[in-house]
């Protein structure tokens, strides 16, 4: 079977990019798979994409202002002629599903493995007046697209509920919940070295600035893994107890999880969130906001969910922190979200 995977952009390390890499690796074991994206940075997960057939469709786009926003708009208007030769189209995250849906006129099967619907366009996430207005332009194309898609996979029950706020009952009948794949091999548990770990893209919705403000008021050490548009701004406000590791290899990331005290996540309405699973398989708990997918993956015996006001709540948790969580509980919970379980469900559908 010839499968095309459409990813909006592969320019930073994050959960969505990792899922695309895993899908390619696993599906290419039995099928002929090609990844199409707007712009590809070869430094992004070389362990997944190193030998991948990746085709850049909009290499010029990275130089555009508001790169991500304009790329999403370009996906909404792009023709689908390059998909004629494929049997199945797997679109990952908005708005690649709009391009993918156009392949239906050639009788192709179209799957949307969605991290989320277009939250900005439909007012579920605020990115400012200009970006909000631009993204709303894609709504007509989105409405047409979902009618032509065979199945929509939401990556959590939370995201399934978000879809139901937007689409008609006829469309939501196509939705199935399929948790993202998480590679669990190679993770290990070691004695804590006392530092807390944040793994995140450095952008406003991840609330890394709030996390930094909190750690600035404590004597706890924080290591931040990831990159993004907020990086320089965040470095300027960080105290001496906060270290930015930038992009790291998967091997290095596993080492950081293995020896951390706990993972910390303050992401706004996170769709699913890989960090609690990666920390969990390392036998470590997660402190996270009581929002989104975190409410599904973090249990009472695997971490702490904090309520608003988040800054005050996180300070309180850290000042009274005693790690009473059993590594085996964290590990057993994480195993529910393995790549093996994910691919079993996806392959069954294929």
C-alpha atoms as a PDB file:
ATOM      1  CA  UNK A   1       0.000   0.000   0.000  1.00  0.00           C
ATOM      2  CA  UNK A   2       1.258   3.488  -0.811  1.00  0.00           C
ATOM      3  CA  UNK A   3       0.719   5.901   2.068  1.00  0.00           C
ATOM      4  CA  UNK A   4       1.283   9.656   2.150  1.00  0.00           C
ATOM      5  CA  UNK A   5       1.754  11.336   5.529  1.00  0.00           C
ATOM      6  CA  UNK A   6       1.068  15.077   5.582  1.00  0.00           C
ATOM      7  CA  UNK A   7       2.670  17.071   8.412  1.00  0.00           C
ATOM      8  CA  UNK A   8       2.226  20.864   8.585  1.00  0.00           C
ATOM      9  CA  UNK A   9       5.899  21.580   9.338  1.00  0.00           C
ATOM     10  CA  UNK A  10       8.889  19.697  10.736  1.00  0.00           C
ATOM     11  CA  UNK A  11      10.902  22.581  12.135  1.00  0.00           C
ATOM     12  CA  UNK A  12      10.893  22.001  15.906  1.00  0.00           C
ATOM     13  CA  UNK A  13      10.945  19.136  18.378  1.00  0.00           C
ATOM     14  CA  UNK A  14       7.544  18.481  19.877  1.00  0.00           C
ATOM     15  CA  UNK A  15       4.908  15.835  20.402  1.00  0.00           C
ATOM     16  CA  UNK A  16       3.276  16.264  16.983  1.00  0.00           C
ATOM     17  CA  UNK A  17       6.593  15.942  15.147  1.00  0.00           C
ATOM     18  CA  UNK A  18       7.498  12.857  17.166  1.00  0.00           C
ATOM     19  CA  UNK A  19       4.151  11.224  16.321  1.00  0.00           C
ATOM     20  CA  UNK A  20       4.783  11.834  12.605  1.00  0.00           C
ATOM     21  CA  UNK A  21       8.197  10.209  12.910  1.00  0.00           C
ATOM     22  CA  UNK A  22       6.795   7.160  14.691  1.00  0.00           C
ATOM     23  CA  UNK A  23       4.002   6.793  12.128  1.00  0.00           C
ATOM     24  CA  UNK A  24       6.546   6.853   9.326  1.00  0.00           C
ATOM     25  CA  UNK A  25       8.852   4.354  10.997  1.00  0.00           C
ATOM     26  CA  UNK A  26       6.117   1.870  11.877  1.00  0.00           C
ATOM     27  CA  UNK A  27       4.046   2.081   8.693  1.00  0.00           C
ATOM     28  CA  UNK A  28       7.091   1.882   6.425  1.00  0.00           C
ATOM     29  CA  UNK A  29       7.829  -1.590   7.783  1.00  0.00           C
ATOM     30  CA  UNK A  30       5.015  -2.948   5.599  1.00  0.00           C
ATOM     31  CA  UNK A  31       4.072  -0.105   3.236  1.00  0.00           C
ATOM     32  CA  UNK A  32       5.639   2.417   0.891  1.00  0.00           C
ATOM     33  CA  UNK A  33       5.433   5.683   2.832  1.00  0.00           C
ATOM     34  CA  UNK A  34       6.310   9.279   1.888  1.00  0.00           C
ATOM     35  CA  UNK A  35       6.194  12.256   4.254  1.00  0.00           C
ATOM     36  CA  UNK A  36       5.114  15.611   2.820  1.00  0.00           C
ATOM     37  CA  UNK A  37       5.624  18.771   4.835  1.00  0.00           C
ATOM     38  CA  UNK A  38       5.954  22.512   4.269  1.00  0.00           C
ATOM     39  CA  UNK A  39       9.486  22.959   5.645  1.00  0.00           C
ATOM     40  CA  UNK A  40      11.830  20.316   7.049  1.00  0.00           C
ATOM     41  CA  UNK A  41      14.749  20.935   9.405  1.00  0.00           C
ATOM     42  CA  UNK A  42      17.015  17.876   9.382  1.00  0.00           C
ATOM     43  CA  UNK A  43      17.923  18.529  13.014  1.00  0.00           C
ATOM     44  CA  UNK A  44      14.385  17.565  14.045  1.00  0.00           C
ATOM     45  CA  UNK A  45      14.383  14.004  15.424  1.00  0.00           C
ATOM     46  CA  UNK A  46      17.078  12.552  13.137  1.00  0.00           C
ATOM     47  CA  UNK A  47      16.503   9.194  14.854  1.00  0.00           C
ATOM     48  CA  UNK A  48      13.032   9.133  13.261  1.00  0.00           C
ATOM     49  CA  UNK A  49      13.538  11.126  10.071  1.00  0.00           C
ATOM     50  CA  UNK A  50      17.186  10.376   9.242  1.00  0.00           C
ATOM     51  CA  UNK A  51      16.367   7.885   6.474  1.00  0.00           C
ATOM     52  CA  UNK A  52      12.894   9.173   5.717  1.00  0.00           C
ATOM     53  CA  UNK A  53      11.652  10.210   2.315  1.00  0.00           C
ATOM     54  CA  UNK A  54      10.601  13.775   3.216  1.00  0.00           C
ATOM     55  CA  UNK A  55       9.390  16.133   0.518  1.00  0.00           C
ATOM     56  CA  UNK A  56       9.226  19.864   1.252  1.00  0.00           C
ATOM     57  CA  UNK A  57       6.285  21.529  -0.476  1.00  0.00           C
ATOM     58  CA  UNK A  58       6.827  25.105   0.756  1.00  0.00           C
ATOM     59  CA  UNK A  59      10.542  25.571   1.519  1.00  0.00           C
ATOM     60  CA  UNK A  60      10.153  29.330   1.030  1.00  0.00           C
ATOM     61  CA  UNK A  61       7.557  29.586   3.795  1.00  0.00           C
ATOM     62  CA  UNK A  62       9.989  29.565   6.722  1.00  0.00           C
ATOM     63  CA  UNK A  63      11.220  33.025   5.723  1.00  0.00           C
ATOM     64  CA  UNK A  64       7.697  34.462   5.863  1.00  0.00           C
ATOM     65  CA  UNK A  65       6.546  36.497   8.871  1.00  0.00           C
ATOM     66  CA  UNK A  66       4.133  34.540  11.089  1.00  0.00           C
ATOM     67  CA  UNK A  67       5.512  31.375   9.487  1.00  0.00           C
ATOM     68  CA  UNK A  68       3.239  28.860  11.201  1.00  0.00           C
ATOM     69  CA  UNK A  69       0.038  30.840  10.647  1.00  0.00           C
ATOM     70  CA  UNK A  70       0.695  31.489   6.968  1.00  0.00           C
ATOM     71  CA  UNK A  71       1.767  27.880   6.410  1.00  0.00           C
ATOM     72  CA  UNK A  72      -1.561  26.684   7.787  1.00  0.00           C
ATOM     73  CA  UNK A  73      -3.374  29.005   5.391  1.00  0.00           C
ATOM     74  CA  UNK A  74      -1.282  27.701   2.487  1.00  0.00           C
ATOM     75  CA  UNK A  75      -2.275  24.122   3.367  1.00  0.00           C
ATOM     76  CA  UNK A  76      -5.914  25.210   3.194  1.00  0.00           C
ATOM     77  CA  UNK A  77      -5.597  26.370  -0.418  1.00  0.00           C
ATOM     78  CA  UNK A  78      -2.979  23.948  -1.765  1.00  0.00           C
ATOM     79  CA  UNK A  79      -3.947  21.576  -4.585  1.00  0.00           C
ATOM     80  CA  UNK A  80      -3.648  17.832  -4.013  1.00  0.00           C
ATOM     81  CA  UNK A  81      -2.242  16.673  -7.360  1.00  0.00           C
ATOM     82  CA  UNK A  82       0.855  15.246  -5.658  1.00  0.00           C
ATOM     83  CA  UNK A  83      -1.396  12.733  -3.848  1.00  0.00           C
ATOM     84  CA  UNK A  84      -2.817  11.009  -6.954  1.00  0.00           C
ATOM     85  CA  UNK A  85      -0.415   8.070  -6.786  1.00  0.00           C
ATOM     86  CA  UNK A  86      -1.179   7.137  -3.151  1.00  0.00           C
ATOM     87  CA  UNK A  87      -3.790   4.739  -1.756  1.00  0.00           C
ATOM     88  CA  UNK A  88      -4.164   6.248   1.715  1.00  0.00           C
ATOM     89  CA  UNK A  89      -3.578   9.803   2.893  1.00  0.00           C
ATOM     90  CA  UNK A  90      -2.766  10.294   6.587  1.00  0.00           C
ATOM     91  CA  UNK A  91      -3.073  13.973   7.548  1.00  0.00           C
ATOM     92  CA  UNK A  92      -1.580  15.025  10.859  1.00  0.00           C
ATOM     93  CA  UNK A  93      -2.879  18.129  12.651  1.00  0.00           C
ATOM     94  CA  UNK A  94      -4.659  21.080  10.970  1.00  0.00           C
ATOM     95  CA  UNK A  95      -4.671  22.206   8.219  1.00  0.00           C
ATOM     96  CA  UNK A  96      -3.075  19.387   6.266  1.00  0.00           C
ATOM     97  CA  UNK A  97      -6.419  17.584   6.410  1.00  0.00           C
ATOM     98  CA  UNK A  98      -7.846  20.193   4.027  1.00  0.00           C
ATOM     99  CA  UNK A  99      -5.291  19.344   1.342  1.00  0.00           C
ATOM    100  CA  UNK A 100      -5.672  15.622   2.083  1.00  0.00           C
ATOM    101  CA  UNK A 101      -9.450  15.726   1.725  1.00  0.00           C
ATOM    102  CA  UNK A 102      -9.127  16.889  -1.884  1.00  0.00           C
ATOM    103  CA  UNK A 103      -7.706  13.460  -2.779  1.00  0.00           C
ATOM    104  CA  UNK A 104     -11.162  11.997  -2.174  1.00  0.00           C
ATOM    105  CA  UNK A 105     -12.123  12.929  -5.753  1.00  0.00           C
ATOM    106  CA  UNK A 106      -9.716  10.212  -6.919  1.00  0.00           C
ATOM    107  CA  UNK A 107     -11.249   7.657  -4.565  1.00  0.00           C
ATOM    108  CA  UNK A 108      -8.430   7.782  -2.017  1.00  0.00           C
ATOM    109  CA  UNK A 109      -8.939   6.874   1.637  1.00  0.00           C
ATOM    110  CA  UNK A 110      -8.303   9.870   3.888  1.00  0.00           C
ATOM    111  CA  UNK A 111      -7.489   9.669   7.593  1.00  0.00           C
ATOM    112  CA  UNK A 112      -7.069  12.695   9.815  1.00  0.00           C
ATOM    113  CA  UNK A 113      -4.985  11.860  12.875  1.00  0.00           C
ATOM    114  CA  UNK A 114      -5.653  15.132  14.585  1.00  0.00           C
ATOM    115  CA  UNK A 115      -3.741  16.517  17.508  1.00  0.00           C
ATOM    116  CA  UNK A 116      -6.650  18.957  17.606  1.00  0.00           C
ATOM    117  CA  UNK A 117      -9.133  20.806  15.390  1.00  0.00           C
ATOM    118  CA  UNK A 118      -8.158  24.305  14.278  1.00  0.00           C
ATOM    119  CA  UNK A 119      -8.512  25.761  17.756  1.00  0.00           C
ATOM    120  CA  UNK A 120      -7.558  29.301  16.769  1.00  0.00           C
ATOM    121  CA  UNK A 121     -10.013  29.503  13.867  1.00  0.00           C
ATOM    122  CA  UNK A 122     -12.897  28.321  16.026  1.00  0.00           C
ATOM    123  CA  UNK A 123     -12.081  30.490  19.030  1.00  0.00           C
ATOM    124  CA  UNK A 124     -10.876  27.714  21.333  1.00  0.00           C
ATOM    125  CA  UNK A 125      -7.447  29.345  21.585  1.00  0.00           C
ATOM    126  CA  UNK A 126      -6.529  33.035  21.462  1.00  0.00           C
ATOM    127  CA  UNK A 127      -3.383  34.058  19.555  1.00  0.00           C
ATOM    128  CA  UNK A 128      -4.207  37.744  19.119  1.00  0.00           C
ATOM    129  CA  UNK A 129      -6.461  39.649  16.732  1.00  0.00           C
ATOM    130  CA  UNK A 130      -4.345  39.302  13.576  1.00  0.00           C
ATOM    131  CA  UNK A 131      -3.642  35.575  13.839  1.00  0.00           C
ATOM    132  CA  UNK A 132      -7.183  34.812  14.999  1.00  0.00           C
ATOM    133  CA  UNK A 133      -8.622  36.680  11.997  1.00  0.00           C
ATOM    134  CA  UNK A 134      -6.283  34.994   9.502  1.00  0.00           C
ATOM    135  CA  UNK A 135      -7.093  31.533  10.782  1.00  0.00           C
ATOM    136  CA  UNK A 136     -10.839  32.167  10.554  1.00  0.00           C
ATOM    137  CA  UNK A 137     -10.342  32.436   6.775  1.00  0.00           C
ATOM    138  CA  UNK A 138      -9.774  28.671   6.683  1.00  0.00           C
ATOM    139  CA  UNK A 139     -13.153  27.752   8.227  1.00  0.00           C
ATOM    140  CA  UNK A 140     -15.088  27.269   4.917  1.00  0.00           C
ATOM    141  CA  UNK A 141     -12.349  24.962   3.581  1.00  0.00           C
ATOM    142  CA  UNK A 142     -12.272  23.081   6.884  1.00  0.00           C
ATOM    143  CA  UNK A 143     -16.049  22.520   6.845  1.00  0.00           C
ATOM    144  CA  UNK A 144     -15.841  21.055   3.344  1.00  0.00           C
ATOM    145  CA  UNK A 145     -12.814  18.933   4.202  1.00  0.00           C
ATOM    146  CA  UNK A 146     -14.298  17.076   7.164  1.00  0.00           C
ATOM    147  CA  UNK A 147     -17.192  15.919   5.000  1.00  0.00           C
ATOM    148  CA  UNK A 148     -14.745  14.115   2.699  1.00  0.00           C
ATOM    149  CA  UNK A 149     -12.580  12.489   5.371  1.00  0.00           C
ATOM    150  CA  UNK A 150     -13.177   8.804   6.147  1.00  0.00           C
ATOM    151  CA  UNK A 151     -12.204   8.846   9.813  1.00  0.00           C
ATOM    152  CA  UNK A 152     -11.005  11.439  12.317  1.00  0.00           C
ATOM    153  CA  UNK A 153      -8.807  10.231  15.165  1.00  0.00           C
ATOM    154  CA  UNK A 154      -8.836  12.538  18.203  1.00  0.00           C
ATOM    155  CA  UNK A 155      -5.750  12.092  20.368  1.00  0.00           C
ATOM    156  CA  UNK A 156      -7.646  12.231  23.680  1.00  0.00           C
ATOM    157  CA  UNK A 157     -11.154  12.273  25.105  1.00  0.00           C
ATOM    158  CA  UNK A 158     -10.611  15.948  25.811  1.00  0.00           C
ATOM    159  CA  UNK A 159      -9.971  16.600  22.128  1.00  0.00           C
ATOM    160  CA  UNK A 160     -13.006  14.541  21.196  1.00  0.00           C
ATOM    161  CA  UNK A 161     -15.092  16.928  23.322  1.00  0.00           C
ATOM    162  CA  UNK A 162     -13.485  19.904  21.539  1.00  0.00           C
ATOM    163  CA  UNK A 163     -14.454  18.472  18.142  1.00  0.00           C
ATOM    164  CA  UNK A 164     -18.034  18.087  19.314  1.00  0.00           C
ATOM    165  CA  UNK A 165     -18.174  21.815  20.106  1.00  0.00           C
ATOM    166  CA  UNK A 166     -17.392  22.595  16.463  1.00  0.00           C
ATOM    167  CA  UNK A 167     -18.872  19.990  14.133  1.00  0.00           C
ATOM    168  CA  UNK A 168     -22.301  18.538  13.454  1.00  0.00           C
ATOM    169  CA  UNK A 169     -23.436  15.160  14.772  1.00  0.00           C
ATOM    170  CA  UNK A 170     -22.911  13.711  11.292  1.00  0.00           C
ATOM    171  CA  UNK A 171     -19.212  14.657  11.374  1.00  0.00           C
ATOM    172  CA  UNK A 172     -18.613  13.652  14.998  1.00  0.00           C
ATOM    173  CA  UNK A 173     -19.797  10.115  14.146  1.00  0.00           C
ATOM    174  CA  UNK A 174     -16.486   9.768  12.270  1.00  0.00           C
ATOM    175  CA  UNK A 175     -14.434  10.539  15.373  1.00  0.00           C
ATOM    176  CA  UNK A 176     -12.553   7.840  17.275  1.00  0.00           C
ATOM    177  CA  UNK A 177     -10.211   8.388  20.228  1.00  0.00           C
ATOM    178  CA  UNK A 178      -6.690   7.083  19.602  1.00  0.00           C
ATOM    179  CA  UNK A 179      -4.010   8.119  22.076  1.00  0.00           C
ATOM    180  CA  UNK A 180      -0.674   9.103  20.484  1.00  0.00           C
ATOM    181  CA  UNK A 181       2.122   6.557  20.170  1.00  0.00           C
ATOM    182  CA  UNK A 182       4.886   6.781  22.737  1.00  0.00           C
ATOM    183  CA  UNK A 183       8.158   4.905  22.308  1.00  0.00           C
ATOM    184  CA  UNK A 184       8.785   3.345  25.706  1.00  0.00           C
ATOM    185  CA  UNK A 185      12.014   1.468  24.950  1.00  0.00           C
ATOM    186  CA  UNK A 186      15.260   2.696  26.447  1.00  0.00           C
ATOM    187  CA  UNK A 187      13.752   4.652  29.335  1.00  0.00           C
ATOM    188  CA  UNK A 188      15.063   3.796  32.768  1.00  0.00           C
ATOM    189  CA  UNK A 189      14.648   4.843  36.371  1.00  0.00           C
ATOM    190  CA  UNK A 190      17.546   6.250  38.363  1.00  0.00           C
ATOM    191  CA  UNK A 191      17.924   7.931  41.715  1.00  0.00           C
ATOM    192  CA  UNK A 192      16.832  11.559  41.556  1.00  0.00           C
ATOM    193  CA  UNK A 193      19.496  14.235  41.241  1.00  0.00           C
ATOM    194  CA  UNK A 194      17.004  16.758  42.592  1.00  0.00           C
ATOM    195  CA  UNK A 195      16.214  18.782  39.482  1.00  0.00           C
ATOM    196  CA  UNK A 196      12.758  19.250  37.956  1.00  0.00           C
ATOM    197  CA  UNK A 197      12.334  18.830  34.219  1.00  0.00           C
ATOM    198  CA  UNK A 198      10.243  20.752  31.683  1.00  0.00           C
ATOM    199  CA  UNK A 199      10.092  19.366  28.135  1.00  0.00           C
ATOM    200  CA  UNK A 200       8.236  21.777  25.893  1.00  0.00           C
ATOM    201  CA  UNK A 201       8.240  23.991  22.823  1.00  0.00           C
ATOM    202  CA  UNK A 202       9.054  27.469  24.034  1.00  0.00           C
ATOM    203  CA  UNK A 203       5.928  29.342  23.045  1.00  0.00           C
ATOM    204  CA  UNK A 204       3.376  31.394  24.942  1.00  0.00           C
ATOM    205  CA  UNK A 205       0.650  28.750  25.298  1.00  0.00           C
ATOM    206  CA  UNK A 206       3.053  26.451  27.154  1.00  0.00           C
ATOM    207  CA  UNK A 207       3.253  28.917  30.113  1.00  0.00           C
ATOM    208  CA  UNK A 208       6.986  28.335  30.545  1.00  0.00           C
ATOM    209  CA  UNK A 209       7.234  31.973  31.666  1.00  0.00           C
ATOM    210  CA  UNK A 210       4.978  31.220  34.642  1.00  0.00           C
ATOM    211  CA  UNK A 211       7.103  28.173  35.476  1.00  0.00           C
ATOM    212  CA  UNK A 212      10.242  30.304  35.423  1.00  0.00           C
ATOM    213  CA  UNK A 213       8.655  32.912  37.683  1.00  0.00           C
ATOM    214  CA  UNK A 214       7.842  30.152  40.170  1.00  0.00           C
ATOM    215  CA  UNK A 215      11.298  28.572  40.154  1.00  0.00           C
ATOM    216  CA  UNK A 216      12.858  32.035  40.501  1.00  0.00           C
ATOM    217  CA  UNK A 217      11.124  32.191  43.879  1.00  0.00           C
ATOM    218  CA  UNK A 218      12.405  28.799  45.047  1.00  0.00           C
ATOM    219  CA  UNK A 219      15.799  27.157  45.472  1.00  0.00           C
ATOM    220  CA  UNK A 220      14.755  24.234  43.257  1.00  0.00           C
ATOM    221  CA  UNK A 221      16.704  23.474  40.087  1.00  0.00           C
ATOM    222  CA  UNK A 222      14.819  23.435  36.770  1.00  0.00           C
ATOM    223  CA  UNK A 223      16.100  22.099  33.445  1.00  0.00           C
ATOM    224  CA  UNK A 224      14.140  23.181  30.357  1.00  0.00           C
ATOM    225  CA  UNK A 225      14.389  21.068  27.202  1.00  0.00           C
ATOM    226  CA  UNK A 226      13.106  22.494  23.918  1.00  0.00           C
ATOM    227  CA  UNK A 227      13.260  25.475  21.619  1.00  0.00           C
ATOM    228  CA  UNK A 228      10.858  28.000  20.164  1.00  0.00           C
ATOM    229  CA  UNK A 229      10.039  31.664  19.532  1.00  0.00           C
ATOM    230  CA  UNK A 230       9.983  32.595  23.231  1.00  0.00           C
ATOM    231  CA  UNK A 231      13.465  31.218  23.962  1.00  0.00           C
ATOM    232  CA  UNK A 232      15.460  34.455  24.183  1.00  0.00           C
ATOM    233  CA  UNK A 233      12.747  36.207  26.161  1.00  0.00           C
ATOM    234  CA  UNK A 234      12.568  33.337  28.651  1.00  0.00           C
ATOM    235  CA  UNK A 235      16.338  33.182  29.106  1.00  0.00           C
ATOM    236  CA  UNK A 236      16.359  36.860  30.100  1.00  0.00           C
ATOM    237  CA  UNK A 237      13.949  36.303  32.991  1.00  0.00           C
ATOM    238  CA  UNK A 238      15.411  33.002  34.249  1.00  0.00           C
ATOM    239  CA  UNK A 239      17.400  32.807  37.469  1.00  0.00           C
ATOM    240  CA  UNK A 240      20.673  30.949  38.044  1.00  0.00           C
ATOM    241  CA  UNK A 241      18.823  27.814  39.184  1.00  0.00           C
ATOM    242  CA  UNK A 242      17.263  27.413  35.719  1.00  0.00           C
ATOM    243  CA  UNK A 243      19.157  25.807  32.832  1.00  0.00           C
ATOM    244  CA  UNK A 244      18.125  25.738  29.175  1.00  0.00           C
ATOM    245  CA  UNK A 245      19.252  22.516  27.490  1.00  0.00           C
ATOM    246  CA  UNK A 246      17.809  23.406  24.064  1.00  0.00           C
ATOM    247  CA  UNK A 247      17.172  20.555  21.653  1.00  0.00           C
ATOM    248  CA  UNK A 248      18.593  17.282  22.895  1.00  0.00           C
ATOM    249  CA  UNK A 249      18.872  13.790  21.403  1.00  0.00           C
ATOM    250  CA  UNK A 250      16.379  11.141  22.430  1.00  0.00           C
ATOM    251  CA  UNK A 251      19.179   9.381  24.307  1.00  0.00           C
ATOM    252  CA  UNK A 252      19.993  12.532  26.284  1.00  0.00           C
ATOM    253  CA  UNK A 253      16.296  13.194  26.965  1.00  0.00           C
ATOM    254  CA  UNK A 254      15.905   9.708  28.431  1.00  0.00           C
ATOM    255  CA  UNK A 255      18.871  10.376  30.715  1.00  0.00           C
ATOM    256  CA  UNK A 256      17.307  13.630  31.892  1.00  0.00           C
ATOM    257  CA  UNK A 257      14.004  11.918  32.660  1.00  0.00           C
ATOM    258  CA  UNK A 258      15.771   9.041  34.437  1.00  0.00           C
ATOM    259  CA  UNK A 259      17.467  11.296  36.998  1.00  0.00           C
ATOM    260  CA  UNK A 260      14.900  14.049  37.472  1.00  0.00           C
ATOM    261  CA  UNK A 261      12.805  14.577  40.572  1.00  0.00           C
ATOM    262  CA  UNK A 262       9.614  15.119  38.544  1.00  0.00           C
ATOM    263  CA  UNK A 263       8.391  16.558  35.254  1.00  0.00           C
ATOM    264  CA  UNK A 264       6.529  19.888  35.272  1.00  0.00           C
ATOM    265  CA  UNK A 265       3.949  20.925  32.650  1.00  0.00           C
ATOM    266  CA  UNK A 266       1.833  24.090  32.631  1.00  0.00           C
ATOM    267  CA  UNK A 267       0.629  23.896  29.022  1.00  0.00           C
ATOM    268  CA  UNK A 268      -2.650  25.624  28.210  1.00  0.00           C
ATOM    269  CA  UNK A 269      -5.413  23.073  27.518  1.00  0.00           C
ATOM    270  CA  UNK A 270      -2.859  20.509  26.308  1.00  0.00           C
ATOM    271  CA  UNK A 271      -4.355  18.161  23.722  1.00  0.00           C
ATOM    272  CA  UNK A 272      -2.701  15.078  25.210  1.00  0.00           C
ATOM    273  CA  UNK A 273       0.850  15.750  26.403  1.00  0.00           C
ATOM    274  CA  UNK A 274       3.696  13.241  25.965  1.00  0.00           C
ATOM    275  CA  UNK A 275       5.773  14.458  28.924  1.00  0.00           C
ATOM    276  CA  UNK A 276       3.752  12.667  31.655  1.00  0.00           C
ATOM    277  CA  UNK A 277       4.075   9.403  29.710  1.00  0.00           C
ATOM    278  CA  UNK A 278       7.813   9.784  29.112  1.00  0.00           C
ATOM    279  CA  UNK A 279       8.349  10.762  32.749  1.00  0.00           C
ATOM    280  CA  UNK A 280       6.087   7.935  33.880  1.00  0.00           C
ATOM    281  CA  UNK A 281       7.930   5.206  31.985  1.00  0.00           C
ATOM    282  CA  UNK A 282      11.056   6.540  33.724  1.00  0.00           C
ATOM    283  CA  UNK A 283       9.330   5.977  37.057  1.00  0.00           C
ATOM    284  CA  UNK A 284       8.911   9.698  37.698  1.00  0.00           C
ATOM    285  CA  UNK A 285       5.752  11.671  38.590  1.00  0.00           C
ATOM    286  CA  UNK A 286       4.471  14.781  36.813  1.00  0.00           C
ATOM    287  CA  UNK A 287       3.202  18.065  38.234  1.00  0.00           C
ATOM    288  CA  UNK A 288       0.766  19.587  35.731  1.00  0.00           C
ATOM    289  CA  UNK A 289      -2.152  21.954  35.381  1.00  0.00           C
ATOM    290  CA  UNK A 290      -5.608  20.448  35.841  1.00  0.00           C
ATOM    291  CA  UNK A 291      -6.513  20.935  32.170  1.00  0.00           C
ATOM    292  CA  UNK A 292      -6.863  19.087  28.882  1.00  0.00           C
ATOM    293  CA  UNK A 293      -5.251  15.708  28.314  1.00  0.00           C
ATOM    294  CA  UNK A 294      -3.316  15.857  31.597  1.00  0.00           C
ATOM    295  CA  UNK A 295      -6.585  15.041  33.384  1.00  0.00           C
ATOM    296  CA  UNK A 296      -6.653  11.707  31.534  1.00  0.00           C
ATOM    297  CA  UNK A 297      -3.030  10.624  31.824  1.00  0.00           C
ATOM    298  CA  UNK A 298      -2.074  11.764  35.348  1.00  0.00           C
ATOM    299  CA  UNK A 299      -3.575   9.695  38.152  1.00  0.00           C
ATOM    300  CA  UNK A 300      -3.506  10.278  41.903  1.00  0.00           C
ATOM    301  CA  UNK A 301      -0.664   7.788  42.254  1.00  0.00           C
ATOM    302  CA  UNK A 302       1.401   9.144  39.329  1.00  0.00           C
ATOM    303  CA  UNK A 303       1.466  12.903  39.833  1.00  0.00           C
ATOM    304  CA  UNK A 304      -0.151  16.132  40.993  1.00  0.00           C
ATOM    305  CA  UNK A 305      -2.747  18.224  39.139  1.00  0.00           C
ATOM    306  CA  UNK A 306      -2.739  21.858  40.285  1.00  0.00           C
ATOM    307  CA  UNK A 307      -5.608  24.321  40.065  1.00  0.00           C
ATOM    308  CA  UNK A 308      -5.663  28.066  39.415  1.00  0.00           C
ATOM    309  CA  UNK A 309      -4.031  30.357  40.346  1.00  0.00           C
ATOM    310  CA  UNK A 310      -1.249  28.227  38.881  1.00  0.00           C
ATOM    311  CA  UNK A 311       1.686  30.291  40.082  1.00  0.00           C
ATOM    312  CA  UNK A 312       0.599  30.174  43.709  1.00  0.00           C
ATOM    313  CA  UNK A 313      -0.394  26.513  43.463  1.00  0.00           C
ATOM    314  CA  UNK A 314       2.923  25.449  41.942  1.00  0.00           C
ATOM    315  CA  UNK A 315       4.915  27.395  44.546  1.00  0.00           C
ATOM    316  CA  UNK A 316       2.958  25.628  47.281  1.00  0.00           C
ATOM    317  CA  UNK A 317       3.547  22.191  45.751  1.00  0.00           C
ATOM    318  CA  UNK A 318       7.284  22.780  45.338  1.00  0.00           C
ATOM    319  CA  UNK A 319       7.776  24.204  48.830  1.00  0.00           C
ATOM    320  CA  UNK A 320       6.045  21.155  50.343  1.00  0.00           C
ATOM    321  CA  UNK A 321       7.402  18.650  47.830  1.00  0.00           C
ATOM    322  CA  UNK A 322       8.017  15.113  49.026  1.00  0.00           C
ATOM    323  CA  UNK A 323       8.184  12.458  46.348  1.00  0.00           C
ATOM    324  CA  UNK A 324       5.960   9.746  47.740  1.00  0.00           C
ATOM    325  CA  UNK A 325       5.110   8.315  44.311  1.00  0.00           C
ATOM    326  CA  UNK A 326       6.104   4.720  43.590  1.00  0.00           C
ATOM    327  CA  UNK A 327       8.100   4.288  40.367  1.00  0.00           C
ATOM    328  CA  UNK A 328       6.217   1.085  39.493  1.00  0.00           C
ATOM    329  CA  UNK A 329       2.864   2.916  39.559  1.00  0.00           C
ATOM    330  CA  UNK A 330       4.183   5.562  37.166  1.00  0.00           C
ATOM    331  CA  UNK A 331       5.653   2.903  34.866  1.00  0.00           C
ATOM    332  CA  UNK A 332       2.505   0.767  34.734  1.00  0.00           C
ATOM    333  CA  UNK A 333       0.338   3.786  33.926  1.00  0.00           C
ATOM    334  CA  UNK A 334       2.660   4.862  31.094  1.00  0.00           C
ATOM    335  CA  UNK A 335       2.524   1.431  29.450  1.00  0.00           C
ATOM    336  CA  UNK A 336      -1.116   2.065  28.471  1.00  0.00           C
ATOM    337  CA  UNK A 337       0.074   4.655  25.945  1.00  0.00           C
ATOM    338  CA  UNK A 338       2.723   2.658  24.089  1.00  0.00           C
ATOM    339  CA  UNK A 339       3.468   2.766  20.365  1.00  0.00           C
ATOM    340  CA  UNK A 340       2.519  -0.920  20.221  1.00  0.00           C
ATOM    341  CA  UNK A 341      -1.033  -0.237  21.466  1.00  0.00           C
ATOM    342  CA  UNK A 342      -1.419   2.772  19.173  1.00  0.00           C
ATOM    343  CA  UNK A 343      -0.238   0.991  16.032  1.00  0.00           C
ATOM    344  CA  UNK A 344      -2.416  -2.027  16.789  1.00  0.00           C
ATOM    345  CA  UNK A 345      -5.502   0.210  16.561  1.00  0.00           C
ATOM    346  CA  UNK A 346      -4.294   2.208  13.548  1.00  0.00           C
ATOM    347  CA  UNK A 347      -3.233  -0.896  11.603  1.00  0.00           C
ATOM    348  CA  UNK A 348      -6.576  -2.543  12.293  1.00  0.00           C
ATOM    349  CA  UNK A 349      -8.310   0.397  10.623  1.00  0.00           C
ATOM    350  CA  UNK A 350      -5.929   0.389   7.656  1.00  0.00           C
END
